[in-house]
Amino acid sequence: MSSGFPGFDFASIISFSQSDQLNTFSDMWYRVFLWAFLSSIIVHVIGALIAFGTLRKHRVGRFFPLLVLLMGIVNPGTTGLITSAVIAFIYKASILQMTPFYAFVYGVGQTGVAAAFSFTRILATL
């Protein structure tokens, strides 16, 4: 499956089969964004399944899992896009090379930070 970027194969990105360093801005940005998007989708699908299991008999609440899934797409599509670009810009401006594993860590880390803010409600206290 082609991703639209030349030289990127979805399966090779997921399996870390490309052991070379990521040098260009688009290489770094795409890898970090893809991992942030995929990890967010996985977390939100699990949350939607739990919400559906507990709210399936509620008259209005049974539709809440759809909103959870929608936020799993919208959130990384907006904030994940921007933060992935910032991470890639910092690496590019610092003339550093990123390994595919670091792209994974940054992408999944974005989802982890978003989940931590959601569970602890830090934003409500600011």
PDB file of N, CA and C in Angstrom:
ATOM      1  N   MET A   1       0.847  -1.176   0.000  1.00  0.00           N
ATOM      2  CA  MET A   1       0.000   0.000   0.000  1.00  0.00           C
ATOM      3  C   MET A   1       0.889   1.235   0.000  1.00  0.00           C
ATOM      4  N   SER A   2       0.716   2.102  -0.930  1.00  0.00           N
ATOM      5  CA  SER A   2       1.541   3.298  -1.034  1.00  0.00           C
ATOM      6  C   SER A   2       0.916   4.417  -0.217  1.00  0.00           C
ATOM      7  N   SER A   3       1.741   5.222   0.383  1.00  0.00           N
ATOM      8  CA  SER A   3       1.256   6.281   1.255  1.00  0.00           C
ATOM      9  C   SER A   3       1.090   7.612   0.550  1.00  0.00           C
ATOM     10  N   GLY A   4       1.526   7.722  -0.668  1.00  0.00           N
ATOM     11  CA  GLY A   4       1.465   8.998  -1.351  1.00  0.00           C
ATOM     12  C   GLY A   4       2.801   9.703  -1.358  1.00  0.00           C
ATOM     13  N   PHE A   5       3.677   9.370  -0.436  1.00  0.00           N
ATOM     14  CA  PHE A   5       5.021   9.906  -0.411  1.00  0.00           C
ATOM     15  C   PHE A   5       5.927   8.941  -1.171  1.00  0.00           C
ATOM     16  N   PRO A   6       6.775   9.452  -2.044  1.00  0.00           N
ATOM     17  CA  PRO A   6       7.670   8.547  -2.761  1.00  0.00           C
ATOM     18  C   PRO A   6       8.648   7.870  -1.814  1.00  0.00           C
ATOM     19  N   GLY A   7       8.790   6.565  -1.969  1.00  0.00           N
ATOM     20  CA  GLY A   7       9.734   5.824  -1.159  1.00  0.00           C
ATOM     21  C   GLY A   7       9.188   5.348   0.172  1.00  0.00           C
ATOM     22  N   PHE A   8       7.920   5.631   0.467  1.00  0.00           N
ATOM     23  CA  PHE A   8       7.319   5.204   1.726  1.00  0.00           C
ATOM     24  C   PHE A   8       6.373   4.046   1.464  1.00  0.00           C
ATOM     25  N   ASP A   9       6.575   2.984   2.167  1.00  0.00           N
ATOM     26  CA  ASP A   9       5.684   1.852   2.131  1.00  0.00           C
ATOM     27  C   ASP A   9       5.156   1.662   3.543  1.00  0.00           C
ATOM     28  N   PHE A  10       3.846   1.624   3.691  1.00  0.00           N
ATOM     29  CA  PHE A  10       3.219   1.573   5.000  1.00  0.00           C
ATOM     30  C   PHE A  10       3.726   0.400   5.827  1.00  0.00           C
ATOM     31  N   ALA A  11       3.839  -0.764   5.220  1.00  0.00           N
ATOM     32  CA  ALA A  11       4.289  -1.953   5.952  1.00  0.00           C
ATOM     33  C   ALA A  11       5.727  -1.802   6.436  1.00  0.00           C
ATOM     34  N   SER A  12       6.588  -1.178   5.647  1.00  0.00           N
ATOM     35  CA  SER A  12       7.979  -1.021   6.078  1.00  0.00           C
ATOM     36  C   SER A  12       8.107   0.005   7.197  1.00  0.00           C
ATOM     37  N   ILE A  13       7.215   0.971   7.248  1.00  0.00           N
ATOM     38  CA  ILE A  13       7.242   1.952   8.324  1.00  0.00           C
ATOM     39  C   ILE A  13       6.805   1.311   9.632  1.00  0.00           C
ATOM     40  N   ILE A  14       5.773   0.512   9.589  1.00  0.00           N
ATOM     41  CA  ILE A  14       5.261  -0.135  10.795  1.00  0.00           C
ATOM     42  C   ILE A  14       6.229  -1.180  11.321  1.00  0.00           C
ATOM     43  N   SER A  15       6.919  -1.880  10.421  1.00  0.00           N
ATOM     44  CA  SER A  15       7.793  -2.970  10.865  1.00  0.00           C
ATOM     45  C   SER A  15       9.218  -2.516  11.146  1.00  0.00           C
ATOM     46  N   PHE A  16       9.515  -1.244  11.047  1.00  0.00           N
ATOM     47  CA  PHE A  16      10.863  -0.699  11.259  1.00  0.00           C
ATOM     48  C   PHE A  16      11.887  -1.328  10.313  1.00  0.00           C
ATOM     49  N   SER A  17      11.461  -1.760   9.122  1.00  0.00           N
ATOM     50  CA  SER A  17      12.396  -2.439   8.226  1.00  0.00           C
ATOM     51  C   SER A  17      13.399  -1.474   7.595  1.00  0.00           C
ATOM     52  N   GLN A  18      13.104  -0.196   7.586  1.00  0.00           N
ATOM     53  CA  GLN A  18      14.052   0.768   7.055  1.00  0.00           C
ATOM     54  C   GLN A  18      14.978   1.188   8.188  1.00  0.00           C
ATOM     55  N   SER A  19      16.198   0.683   8.153  1.00  0.00           N
ATOM     56  CA  SER A  19      17.131   0.959   9.241  1.00  0.00           C
ATOM     57  C   SER A  19      17.942   2.230   9.009  1.00  0.00           C
ATOM     58  N   ASP A  20      17.729   2.879   7.869  1.00  0.00           N
ATOM     59  CA  ASP A  20      18.492   4.096   7.601  1.00  0.00           C
ATOM     60  C   ASP A  20      17.944   5.269   8.403  1.00  0.00           C
ATOM     61  N   GLN A  21      18.748   6.297   8.504  1.00  0.00           N
ATOM     62  CA  GLN A  21      18.370   7.492   9.243  1.00  0.00           C
ATOM     63  C   GLN A  21      17.383   8.310   8.421  1.00  0.00           C
ATOM     64  N   LEU A  22      16.537   9.035   9.101  1.00  0.00           N
ATOM     65  CA  LEU A  22      15.600   9.936   8.445  1.00  0.00           C
ATOM     66  C   LEU A  22      16.268  11.304   8.352  1.00  0.00           C
ATOM     67  N   ASN A  23      16.477  11.782   7.137  1.00  0.00           N
ATOM     68  CA  ASN A  23      17.238  13.013   6.929  1.00  0.00           C
ATOM     69  C   ASN A  23      16.377  14.213   6.581  1.00  0.00           C
ATOM     70  N   THR A  24      15.339  14.018   5.804  1.00  0.00           N
ATOM     71  CA  THR A  24      14.558  15.151   5.322  1.00  0.00           C
ATOM     72  C   THR A  24      13.405  15.455   6.278  1.00  0.00           C
ATOM     73  N   PHE A  25      12.920  16.683   6.177  1.00  0.00           N
ATOM     74  CA  PHE A  25      11.797  17.115   7.011  1.00  0.00           C
ATOM     75  C   PHE A  25      10.576  16.246   6.775  1.00  0.00           C
ATOM     76  N   SER A  26      10.274  15.957   5.516  1.00  0.00           N
ATOM     77  CA  SER A  26       9.067  15.179   5.211  1.00  0.00           C
ATOM     78  C   SER A  26       9.175  13.745   5.715  1.00  0.00           C
ATOM     79  N   ASP A  27      10.369  13.158   5.665  1.00  0.00           N
ATOM     80  CA  ASP A  27      10.555  11.808   6.202  1.00  0.00           C
ATOM     81  C   ASP A  27      10.246  11.789   7.692  1.00  0.00           C
ATOM     82  N   MET A  28      10.836  12.724   8.424  1.00  0.00           N
ATOM     83  CA  MET A  28      10.655  12.760   9.874  1.00  0.00           C
ATOM     84  C   MET A  28       9.213  13.096  10.240  1.00  0.00           C
ATOM     85  N   TRP A  29       8.660  14.116   9.588  1.00  0.00           N
ATOM     86  CA  TRP A  29       7.304  14.539   9.896  1.00  0.00           C
ATOM     87  C   TRP A  29       6.309  13.417   9.631  1.00  0.00           C
ATOM     88  N   TYR A  30       6.435  12.756   8.499  1.00  0.00           N
ATOM     89  CA  TYR A  30       5.478  11.714   8.134  1.00  0.00           C
ATOM     90  C   TYR A  30       5.531  10.545   9.106  1.00  0.00           C
ATOM     91  N   ARG A  31       6.720  10.120   9.488  1.00  0.00           N
ATOM     92  CA  ARG A  31       6.844   8.976  10.403  1.00  0.00           C
ATOM     93  C   ARG A  31       6.274   9.309  11.782  1.00  0.00           C
ATOM     94  N   VAL A  32       6.616  10.466  12.307  1.00  0.00           N
ATOM     95  CA  VAL A  32       6.112  10.845  13.634  1.00  0.00           C
ATOM     96  C   VAL A  32       4.593  10.994  13.587  1.00  0.00           C
ATOM     97  N   PHE A  33       4.073  11.653  12.566  1.00  0.00           N
ATOM     98  CA  PHE A  33       2.627  11.843  12.441  1.00  0.00           C
ATOM     99  C   PHE A  33       1.906  10.511  12.285  1.00  0.00           C
ATOM    100  N   LEU A  34       2.453   9.610  11.499  1.00  0.00           N
ATOM    101  CA  LEU A  34       1.805   8.323  11.292  1.00  0.00           C
ATOM    102  C   LEU A  34       1.703   7.544  12.598  1.00  0.00           C
ATOM    103  N   TRP A  35       2.782   7.532  13.376  1.00  0.00           N
ATOM    104  CA  TRP A  35       2.735   6.821  14.656  1.00  0.00           C
ATOM    105  C   TRP A  35       1.774   7.492  15.631  1.00  0.00           C
ATOM    106  N   ALA A  36       1.729   8.824  15.644  1.00  0.00           N
ATOM    107  CA  ALA A  36       0.783   9.519  16.523  1.00  0.00           C
ATOM    108  C   ALA A  36      -0.648   9.209  16.117  1.00  0.00           C
ATOM    109  N   PHE A  37      -0.904   9.189  14.818  1.00  0.00           N
ATOM    110  CA  PHE A  37      -2.252   8.913  14.316  1.00  0.00           C
ATOM    111  C   PHE A  37      -2.673   7.485  14.626  1.00  0.00           C
ATOM    112  N   LEU A  38      -1.798   6.523  14.347  1.00  0.00           N
ATOM    113  CA  LEU A  38      -2.150   5.121  14.575  1.00  0.00           C
ATOM    114  C   LEU A  38      -2.330   4.809  16.057  1.00  0.00           C
ATOM    115  N   SER A  39      -1.456   5.325  16.903  1.00  0.00           N
ATOM    116  CA  SER A  39      -1.599   5.056  18.325  1.00  0.00           C
ATOM    117  C   SER A  39      -2.855   5.717  18.891  1.00  0.00           C
ATOM    118  N   SER A  40      -3.201   6.883  18.389  1.00  0.00           N
ATOM    119  CA  SER A  40      -4.424   7.547  18.829  1.00  0.00           C
ATOM    120  C   SER A  40      -5.654   6.756  18.394  1.00  0.00           C
ATOM    121  N   ILE A  41      -5.637   6.247  17.190  1.00  0.00           N
ATOM    122  CA  ILE A  41      -6.761   5.436  16.706  1.00  0.00           C
ATOM    123  C   ILE A  41      -6.924   4.194  17.580  1.00  0.00           C
ATOM    124  N   ILE A  42      -5.821   3.529  17.904  1.00  0.00           N
ATOM    125  CA  ILE A  42      -5.894   2.316  18.726  1.00  0.00           C
ATOM    126  C   ILE A  42      -6.469   2.629  20.106  1.00  0.00           C
ATOM    127  N   VAL A  43      -5.987   3.688  20.731  1.00  0.00           N
ATOM    128  CA  VAL A  43      -6.473   4.065  22.066  1.00  0.00           C
ATOM    129  C   VAL A  43      -7.957   4.426  22.015  1.00  0.00           C
ATOM    130  N   HIS A  44      -8.371   5.159  20.998  1.00  0.00           N
ATOM    131  CA  HIS A  44      -9.765   5.585  20.923  1.00  0.00           C
ATOM    132  C   HIS A  44     -10.699   4.442  20.530  1.00  0.00           C
ATOM    133  N   VAL A  45     -10.231   3.497  19.751  1.00  0.00           N
ATOM    134  CA  VAL A  45     -11.061   2.329  19.439  1.00  0.00           C
ATOM    135  C   VAL A  45     -11.303   1.512  20.709  1.00  0.00           C
ATOM    136  N   ILE A  46     -10.266   1.331  21.513  1.00  0.00           N
ATOM    137  CA  ILE A  46     -10.433   0.612  22.783  1.00  0.00           C
ATOM    138  C   ILE A  46     -11.405   1.362  23.691  1.00  0.00           C
ATOM    139  N   GLY A  47     -11.245   2.679  23.775  1.00  0.00           N
ATOM    140  CA  GLY A  47     -12.163   3.487  24.584  1.00  0.00           C
ATOM    141  C   GLY A  47     -13.589   3.437  24.069  1.00  0.00           C
ATOM    142  N   ALA A  48     -13.765   3.440  22.755  1.00  0.00           N
ATOM    143  CA  ALA A  48     -15.104   3.376  22.174  1.00  0.00           C
ATOM    144  C   ALA A  48     -15.746   2.020  22.439  1.00  0.00           C
ATOM    145  N   LEU A  49     -14.967   0.954  22.384  1.00  0.00           N
ATOM    146  CA  LEU A  49     -15.511  -0.375  22.683  1.00  0.00           C
ATOM    147  C   LEU A  49     -15.952  -0.467  24.138  1.00  0.00           C
ATOM    148  N   ILE A  50     -15.162   0.088  25.039  1.00  0.00           N
ATOM    149  CA  ILE A  50     -15.543   0.094  26.457  1.00  0.00           C
ATOM    150  C   ILE A  50     -16.797   0.944  26.655  1.00  0.00           C
ATOM    151  N   ALA A  51     -16.844   2.104  26.021  1.00  0.00           N
ATOM    152  CA  ALA A  51     -18.020   2.975  26.149  1.00  0.00           C
ATOM    153  C   ALA A  51     -19.257   2.310  25.563  1.00  0.00           C
ATOM    154  N   PHE A  52     -19.103   1.642  24.447  1.00  0.00           N
ATOM    155  CA  PHE A  52     -20.253   0.961  23.855  1.00  0.00           C
ATOM    156  C   PHE A  52     -20.735  -0.174  24.746  1.00  0.00           C
ATOM    157  N   GLY A  53     -19.791  -0.903  25.338  1.00  0.00           N
ATOM    158  CA  GLY A  53     -20.172  -1.996  26.227  1.00  0.00           C
ATOM    159  C   GLY A  53     -20.924  -1.523  27.455  1.00  0.00           C
ATOM    160  N   THR A  54     -20.563  -0.387  27.980  1.00  0.00           N
ATOM    161  CA  THR A  54     -21.226   0.102  29.193  1.00  0.00           C
ATOM    162  C   THR A  54     -22.473   0.941  28.900  1.00  0.00           C
ATOM    163  N   LEU A  55     -22.561   1.545  27.734  1.00  0.00           N
ATOM    164  CA  LEU A  55     -23.683   2.435  27.424  1.00  0.00           C
ATOM    165  C   LEU A  55     -24.631   1.881  26.365  1.00  0.00           C
ATOM    166  N   ARG A  56     -24.531   0.608  26.045  1.00  0.00           N
ATOM    167  CA  ARG A  56     -25.315   0.061  24.930  1.00  0.00           C
ATOM    168  C   ARG A  56     -26.817   0.093  25.180  1.00  0.00           C
ATOM    169  N   LYS A  57     -27.267   0.086  26.425  1.00  0.00           N
ATOM    170  CA  LYS A  57     -28.696   0.084  26.723  1.00  0.00           C
ATOM    171  C   LYS A  57     -29.245   1.486  26.971  1.00  0.00           C
ATOM    172  N   HIS A  58     -28.365   2.468  27.024  1.00  0.00           N
ATOM    173  CA  HIS A  58     -28.810   3.841  27.271  1.00  0.00           C
ATOM    174  C   HIS A  58     -29.417   4.405  25.994  1.00  0.00           C
ATOM    175  N   ARG A  59     -30.481   5.173  26.151  1.00  0.00           N
ATOM    176  CA  ARG A  59     -31.201   5.677  24.986  1.00  0.00           C
ATOM    177  C   ARG A  59     -30.353   6.622  24.145  1.00  0.00           C
ATOM    178  N   VAL A  60     -29.656   7.545  24.765  1.00  0.00           N
ATOM    179  CA  VAL A  60     -28.834   8.514  24.039  1.00  0.00           C
ATOM    180  C   VAL A  60     -27.358   8.158  24.123  1.00  0.00           C
ATOM    181  N   GLY A  61     -26.940   7.571  25.240  1.00  0.00           N
ATOM    182  CA  GLY A  61     -25.528   7.291  25.477  1.00  0.00           C
ATOM    183  C   GLY A  61     -24.912   6.279  24.539  1.00  0.00           C
ATOM    184  N   ARG A  62     -25.733   5.481  23.856  1.00  0.00           N
ATOM    185  CA  ARG A  62     -25.166   4.486  22.943  1.00  0.00           C
ATOM    186  C   ARG A  62     -24.473   5.119  21.743  1.00  0.00           C
ATOM    187  N   PHE A  63     -24.736   6.387  21.496  1.00  0.00           N
ATOM    188  CA  PHE A  63     -24.088   7.071  20.375  1.00  0.00           C
ATOM    189  C   PHE A  63     -22.784   7.761  20.786  1.00  0.00           C
ATOM    190  N   PHE A  64     -22.490   7.789  22.075  1.00  0.00           N
ATOM    191  CA  PHE A  64     -21.268   8.416  22.569  1.00  0.00           C
ATOM    192  C   PHE A  64     -19.991   7.795  22.008  1.00  0.00           C
ATOM    193  N   PRO A  65     -19.913   6.471  21.810  1.00  0.00           N
ATOM    194  CA  PRO A  65     -18.692   5.897  21.220  1.00  0.00           C
ATOM    195  C   PRO A  65     -18.363   6.454  19.832  1.00  0.00           C
ATOM    196  N   LEU A  66     -19.357   6.900  19.089  1.00  0.00           N
ATOM    197  CA  LEU A  66     -19.081   7.524  17.788  1.00  0.00           C
ATOM    198  C   LEU A  66     -18.309   8.825  17.959  1.00  0.00           C
ATOM    199  N   LEU A  67     -18.641   9.578  18.998  1.00  0.00           N
ATOM    200  CA  LEU A  67     -17.912  10.813  19.280  1.00  0.00           C
ATOM    201  C   LEU A  67     -16.488  10.515  19.736  1.00  0.00           C
ATOM    202  N   VAL A  68     -16.324   9.429  20.493  1.00  0.00           N
ATOM    203  CA  VAL A  68     -14.981   9.028  20.932  1.00  0.00           C
ATOM    204  C   VAL A  68     -14.128   8.680  19.714  1.00  0.00           C
ATOM    205  N   LEU A  69     -14.693   7.923  18.772  1.00  0.00           N
ATOM    206  CA  LEU A  69     -13.959   7.582  17.547  1.00  0.00           C
ATOM    207  C   LEU A  69     -13.652   8.826  16.708  1.00  0.00           C
ATOM    208  N   LEU A  70     -14.592   9.753  16.649  1.00  0.00           N
ATOM    209  CA  LEU A  70     -14.374  10.981  15.895  1.00  0.00           C
ATOM    210  C   LEU A  70     -13.223  11.789  16.485  1.00  0.00           C
ATOM    211  N   MET A  71     -13.154  11.861  17.807  1.00  0.00           N
ATOM    212  CA  MET A  71     -12.043  12.579  18.442  1.00  0.00           C
ATOM    213  C   MET A  71     -10.717  11.857  18.238  1.00  0.00           C
ATOM    214  N   GLY A  72     -10.757  10.540  18.063  1.00  0.00           N
ATOM    215  CA  GLY A  72      -9.541   9.790  17.768  1.00  0.00           C
ATOM    216  C   GLY A  72      -8.966  10.122  16.411  1.00  0.00           C
ATOM    217  N   ILE A  73      -9.780  10.686  15.535  1.00  0.00           N
ATOM    218  CA  ILE A  73      -9.312  11.091  14.210  1.00  0.00           C
ATOM    219  C   ILE A  73      -9.017  12.584  14.169  1.00  0.00           C
ATOM    220  N   VAL A  74      -9.879  13.387  14.788  1.00  0.00           N
ATOM    221  CA  VAL A  74      -9.732  14.844  14.725  1.00  0.00           C
ATOM    222  C   VAL A  74      -8.525  15.329  15.523  1.00  0.00           C
ATOM    223  N   ASN A  75      -8.325  14.786  16.718  1.00  0.00           N
ATOM    224  CA  ASN A  75      -7.244  15.267  17.575  1.00  0.00           C
ATOM    225  C   ASN A  75      -5.866  15.071  16.946  1.00  0.00           C
ATOM    226  N   PRO A  76      -5.494  13.872  16.498  1.00  0.00           N
ATOM    227  CA  PRO A  76      -4.172  13.768  15.869  1.00  0.00           C
ATOM    228  C   PRO A  76      -4.124  14.444  14.498  1.00  0.00           C
ATOM    229  N   GLY A  77      -5.286  14.630  13.883  1.00  0.00           N
ATOM    230  CA  GLY A  77      -5.315  15.315  12.597  1.00  0.00           C
ATOM    231  C   GLY A  77      -5.064  16.803  12.710  1.00  0.00           C
ATOM    232  N   THR A  78      -5.212  17.357  13.902  1.00  0.00           N
ATOM    233  CA  THR A  78      -4.955  18.787  14.092  1.00  0.00           C
ATOM    234  C   THR A  78      -3.703  18.993  14.943  1.00  0.00           C
ATOM    235  N   THR A  79      -3.800  18.652  16.220  1.00  0.00           N
ATOM    236  CA  THR A  79      -2.654  18.888  17.100  1.00  0.00           C
ATOM    237  C   THR A  79      -1.485  17.964  16.794  1.00  0.00           C
ATOM    238  N   GLY A  80      -1.778  16.731  16.429  1.00  0.00           N
ATOM    239  CA  GLY A  80      -0.702  15.793  16.080  1.00  0.00           C
ATOM    240  C   GLY A  80       0.041  16.218  14.832  1.00  0.00           C
ATOM    241  N   LEU A  81      -0.669  16.798  13.904  1.00  0.00           N
ATOM    242  CA  LEU A  81      -0.059  17.300  12.675  1.00  0.00           C
ATOM    243  C   LEU A  81       0.927  18.428  12.986  1.00  0.00           C
ATOM    244  N   ILE A  82       0.518  19.319  13.858  1.00  0.00           N
ATOM    245  CA  ILE A  82       1.356  20.470  14.198  1.00  0.00           C
ATOM    246  C   ILE A  82       2.559  20.047  15.041  1.00  0.00           C
ATOM    247  N   THR A  83       2.335  19.236  16.066  1.00  0.00           N
ATOM    248  CA  THR A  83       3.448  18.843  16.929  1.00  0.00           C
ATOM    249  C   THR A  83       4.445  17.941  16.201  1.00  0.00           C
ATOM    250  N   SER A  84       3.968  17.124  15.284  1.00  0.00           N
ATOM    251  CA  SER A  84       4.885  16.302  14.484  1.00  0.00           C
ATOM    252  C   SER A  84       5.752  17.177  13.595  1.00  0.00           C
ATOM    253  N   ALA A  85       5.163  18.226  13.045  1.00  0.00           N
ATOM    254  CA  ALA A  85       5.932  19.157  12.220  1.00  0.00           C
ATOM    255  C   ALA A  85       6.958  19.908  13.069  1.00  0.00           C
ATOM    256  N   VAL A  86       6.599  20.268  14.302  1.00  0.00           N
ATOM    257  CA  VAL A  86       7.536  20.963  15.183  1.00  0.00           C
ATOM    258  C   VAL A  86       8.712  20.064  15.533  1.00  0.00           C
ATOM    259  N   ILE A  87       8.431  18.804  15.854  1.00  0.00           N
ATOM    260  CA  ILE A  87       9.506  17.858  16.168  1.00  0.00           C
ATOM    261  C   ILE A  87      10.430  17.679  14.967  1.00  0.00           C
ATOM    262  N   ALA A  88       9.851  17.505  13.788  1.00  0.00           N
ATOM    263  CA  ALA A  88      10.664  17.339  12.579  1.00  0.00           C
ATOM    264  C   ALA A  88      11.465  18.605  12.279  1.00  0.00           C
ATOM    265  N   PHE A  89      10.864  19.781  12.510  1.00  0.00           N
ATOM    266  CA  PHE A  89      11.579  21.036  12.271  1.00  0.00           C
ATOM    267  C   PHE A  89      12.770  21.183  13.213  1.00  0.00           C
ATOM    268  N   ILE A  90      12.593  20.806  14.471  1.00  0.00           N
ATOM    269  CA  ILE A  90      13.688  20.901  15.435  1.00  0.00           C
ATOM    270  C   ILE A  90      14.838  19.992  15.017  1.00  0.00           C
ATOM    271  N   TYR A  91      14.517  18.784  14.618  1.00  0.00           N
ATOM    272  CA  TYR A  91      15.564  17.874  14.155  1.00  0.00           C
ATOM    273  C   TYR A  91      16.255  18.415  12.906  1.00  0.00           C
ATOM    274  N   LYS A  92      15.472  18.932  11.972  1.00  0.00           N
ATOM    275  CA  LYS A  92      16.052  19.436  10.724  1.00  0.00           C
ATOM    276  C   LYS A  92      16.886  20.683  10.976  1.00  0.00           C
ATOM    277  N   ALA A  93      16.410  21.581  11.826  1.00  0.00           N
ATOM    278  CA  ALA A  93      17.147  22.808  12.117  1.00  0.00           C
ATOM    279  C   ALA A  93      18.421  22.525  12.905  1.00  0.00           C
ATOM    280  N   SER A  94      18.417  21.456  13.693  1.00  0.00           N
ATOM    281  CA  SER A  94      19.589  21.083  14.473  1.00  0.00           C
ATOM    282  C   SER A  94      20.559  20.209  13.697  1.00  0.00           C
ATOM    283  N   ILE A  95      20.214  19.905  12.461  1.00  0.00           N
ATOM    284  CA  ILE A  95      21.005  19.045  11.585  1.00  0.00           C
ATOM    285  C   ILE A  95      21.231  17.682  12.257  1.00  0.00           C
ATOM    286  N   LEU A  96      20.191  17.166  12.880  1.00  0.00           N
ATOM    287  CA  LEU A  96      20.229  15.844  13.487  1.00  0.00           C
ATOM    288  C   LEU A  96      19.499  14.860  12.587  1.00  0.00           C
ATOM    289  N   GLN A  97      19.898  13.608  12.679  1.00  0.00           N
ATOM    290  CA  GLN A  97      19.200  12.560  11.955  1.00  0.00           C
ATOM    291  C   GLN A  97      18.332  11.797  12.944  1.00  0.00           C
ATOM    292  N   MET A  98      17.136  11.431  12.513  1.00  0.00           N
ATOM    293  CA  MET A  98      16.198  10.713  13.372  1.00  0.00           C
ATOM    294  C   MET A  98      16.156   9.250  12.946  1.00  0.00           C
ATOM    295  N   THR A  99      16.180   8.354  13.904  1.00  0.00           N
ATOM    296  CA  THR A  99      16.017   6.936  13.598  1.00  0.00           C
ATOM    297  C   THR A  99      14.520   6.615  13.558  1.00  0.00           C
ATOM    298  N   PRO A 100      14.113   5.585  12.844  1.00  0.00           N
ATOM    299  CA  PRO A 100      12.694   5.220  12.826  1.00  0.00           C
ATOM    300  C   PRO A 100      12.135   4.900  14.213  1.00  0.00           C
ATOM    301  N   PHE A 101      12.980   4.381  15.112  1.00  0.00           N
ATOM    302  CA  PHE A 101      12.504   4.093  16.466  1.00  0.00           C
ATOM    303  C   PHE A 101      12.167   5.378  17.219  1.00  0.00           C
ATOM    304  N   TYR A 102      12.961   6.426  17.036  1.00  0.00           N
ATOM    305  CA  TYR A 102      12.657   7.703  17.694  1.00  0.00           C
ATOM    306  C   TYR A 102      11.362   8.301  17.151  1.00  0.00           C
ATOM    307  N   ALA A 103      11.104   8.113  15.870  1.00  0.00           N
ATOM    308  CA  ALA A 103       9.834   8.574  15.304  1.00  0.00           C
ATOM    309  C   ALA A 103       8.670   7.853  15.984  1.00  0.00           C
ATOM    310  N   PHE A 104       8.847   6.551  16.228  1.00  0.00           N
ATOM    311  CA  PHE A 104       7.838   5.771  16.946  1.00  0.00           C
ATOM    312  C   PHE A 104       7.638   6.312  18.358  1.00  0.00           C
ATOM    313  N   VAL A 105       8.742   6.577  19.050  1.00  0.00           N
ATOM    314  CA  VAL A 105       8.662   7.070  20.436  1.00  0.00           C
ATOM    315  C   VAL A 105       7.972   8.428  20.483  1.00  0.00           C
ATOM    316  N   TYR A 106       8.321   9.331  19.576  1.00  0.00           N
ATOM    317  CA  TYR A 106       7.689  10.648  19.567  1.00  0.00           C
ATOM    318  C   TYR A 106       6.208  10.561  19.212  1.00  0.00           C
ATOM    319  N   GLY A 107       5.859   9.720  18.266  1.00  0.00           N
ATOM    320  CA  GLY A 107       4.458   9.583  17.863  1.00  0.00           C
ATOM    321  C   GLY A 107       3.596   8.988  18.955  1.00  0.00           C
ATOM    322  N   VAL A 108       4.052   7.879  19.537  1.00  0.00           N
ATOM    323  CA  VAL A 108       3.296   7.247  20.614  1.00  0.00           C
ATOM    324  C   VAL A 108       3.333   8.130  21.863  1.00  0.00           C
ATOM    325  N   GLY A 109       4.427   8.847  22.046  1.00  0.00           N
ATOM    326  CA  GLY A 109       4.523   9.772  23.172  1.00  0.00           C
ATOM    327  C   GLY A 109       3.498  10.889  23.101  1.00  0.00           C
ATOM    328  N   GLN A 110       3.195  11.354  21.912  1.00  0.00           N
ATOM    329  CA  GLN A 110       2.157  12.375  21.764  1.00  0.00           C
ATOM    330  C   GLN A 110       0.811  11.842  22.238  1.00  0.00           C
ATOM    331  N   THR A 111       0.511  10.604  21.891  1.00  0.00           N
ATOM    332  CA  THR A 111      -0.740   9.998  22.343  1.00  0.00           C
ATOM    333  C   THR A 111      -0.714   9.796  23.852  1.00  0.00           C
ATOM    334  N   GLY A 112       0.433   9.393  24.387  1.00  0.00           N
ATOM    335  CA  GLY A 112       0.556   9.205  25.831  1.00  0.00           C
ATOM    336  C   GLY A 112       0.358  10.496  26.598  1.00  0.00           C
ATOM    337  N   VAL A 113       0.927  11.584  26.111  1.00  0.00           N
ATOM    338  CA  VAL A 113       0.751  12.880  26.775  1.00  0.00           C
ATOM    339  C   VAL A 113      -0.705  13.329  26.700  1.00  0.00           C
ATOM    340  N   ALA A 114      -1.337  13.132  25.548  1.00  0.00           N
ATOM    341  CA  ALA A 114      -2.758  13.493  25.415  1.00  0.00           C
ATOM    342  C   ALA A 114      -3.615  12.662  26.364  1.00  0.00           C
ATOM    343  N   ALA A 115      -3.305  11.377  26.503  1.00  0.00           N
ATOM    344  CA  ALA A 115      -4.060  10.521  27.424  1.00  0.00           C
ATOM    345  C   ALA A 115      -3.826  10.944  28.870  1.00  0.00           C
ATOM    346  N   ALA A 116      -2.596  11.315  29.204  1.00  0.00           N
ATOM    347  CA  ALA A 116      -2.299  11.754  30.569  1.00  0.00           C
ATOM    348  C   ALA A 116      -3.069  13.027  30.905  1.00  0.00           C
ATOM    349  N   PHE A 117      -3.132  13.962  29.980  1.00  0.00           N
ATOM    350  CA  PHE A 117      -3.899  15.179  30.213  1.00  0.00           C
ATOM    351  C   PHE A 117      -5.383  14.866  30.337  1.00  0.00           C
ATOM    352  N   SER A 118      -5.875  13.907  29.560  1.00  0.00           N
ATOM    353  CA  SER A 118      -7.295  13.553  29.620  1.00  0.00           C
ATOM    354  C   SER A 118      -7.659  12.893  30.948  1.00  0.00           C
ATOM    355  N   PHE A 119      -6.804  11.990  31.418  1.00  0.00           N
ATOM    356  CA  PHE A 119      -7.118  11.267  32.644  1.00  0.00           C
ATOM    357  C   PHE A 119      -6.915  12.101  33.899  1.00  0.00           C
ATOM    358  N   THR A 120      -5.913  12.969  33.908  1.00  0.00           N
ATOM    359  CA  THR A 120      -5.624  13.731  35.119  1.00  0.00           C
ATOM    360  C   THR A 120      -6.354  15.060  35.178  1.00  0.00           C
ATOM    361  N   ARG A 121      -6.923  15.465  34.092  1.00  0.00           N
ATOM    362  CA  ARG A 121      -7.655  16.732  34.019  1.00  0.00           C
ATOM    363  C   ARG A 121      -6.795  17.923  34.422  1.00  0.00           C
ATOM    364  N   ILE A 122      -5.560  17.900  33.972  1.00  0.00           N
ATOM    365  CA  ILE A 122      -4.653  19.011  34.266  1.00  0.00           C
ATOM    366  C   ILE A 122      -5.159  20.295  33.624  1.00  0.00           C
ATOM    367  N   LEU A 123      -5.741  20.191  32.447  1.00  0.00           N
ATOM    368  CA  LEU A 123      -6.210  21.390  31.757  1.00  0.00           C
ATOM    369  C   LEU A 123      -7.321  22.107  32.531  1.00  0.00           C
ATOM    370  N   ALA A 124      -8.136  21.382  33.281  1.00  0.00           N
ATOM    371  CA  ALA A 124      -9.218  22.006  34.037  1.00  0.00           C
ATOM    372  C   ALA A 124      -8.686  22.858  35.187  1.00  0.00           C
ATOM    373  N   THR A 125      -7.470  22.583  35.636  1.00  0.00           N
ATOM    374  CA  THR A 125      -6.919  23.350  36.752  1.00  0.00           C
ATOM    375  C   THR A 125      -6.118  24.549  36.295  1.00  0.00           C
ATOM    376  N   LEU A 126      -5.821  24.650  35.016  1.00  0.00           N
ATOM    377  CA  LEU A 126      -4.984  25.761  34.543  1.00  0.00           C
ATOM    378  C   LEU A 126      -5.771  27.035  34.396  1.00  0.00           C
TER     379      LEU A 126
END
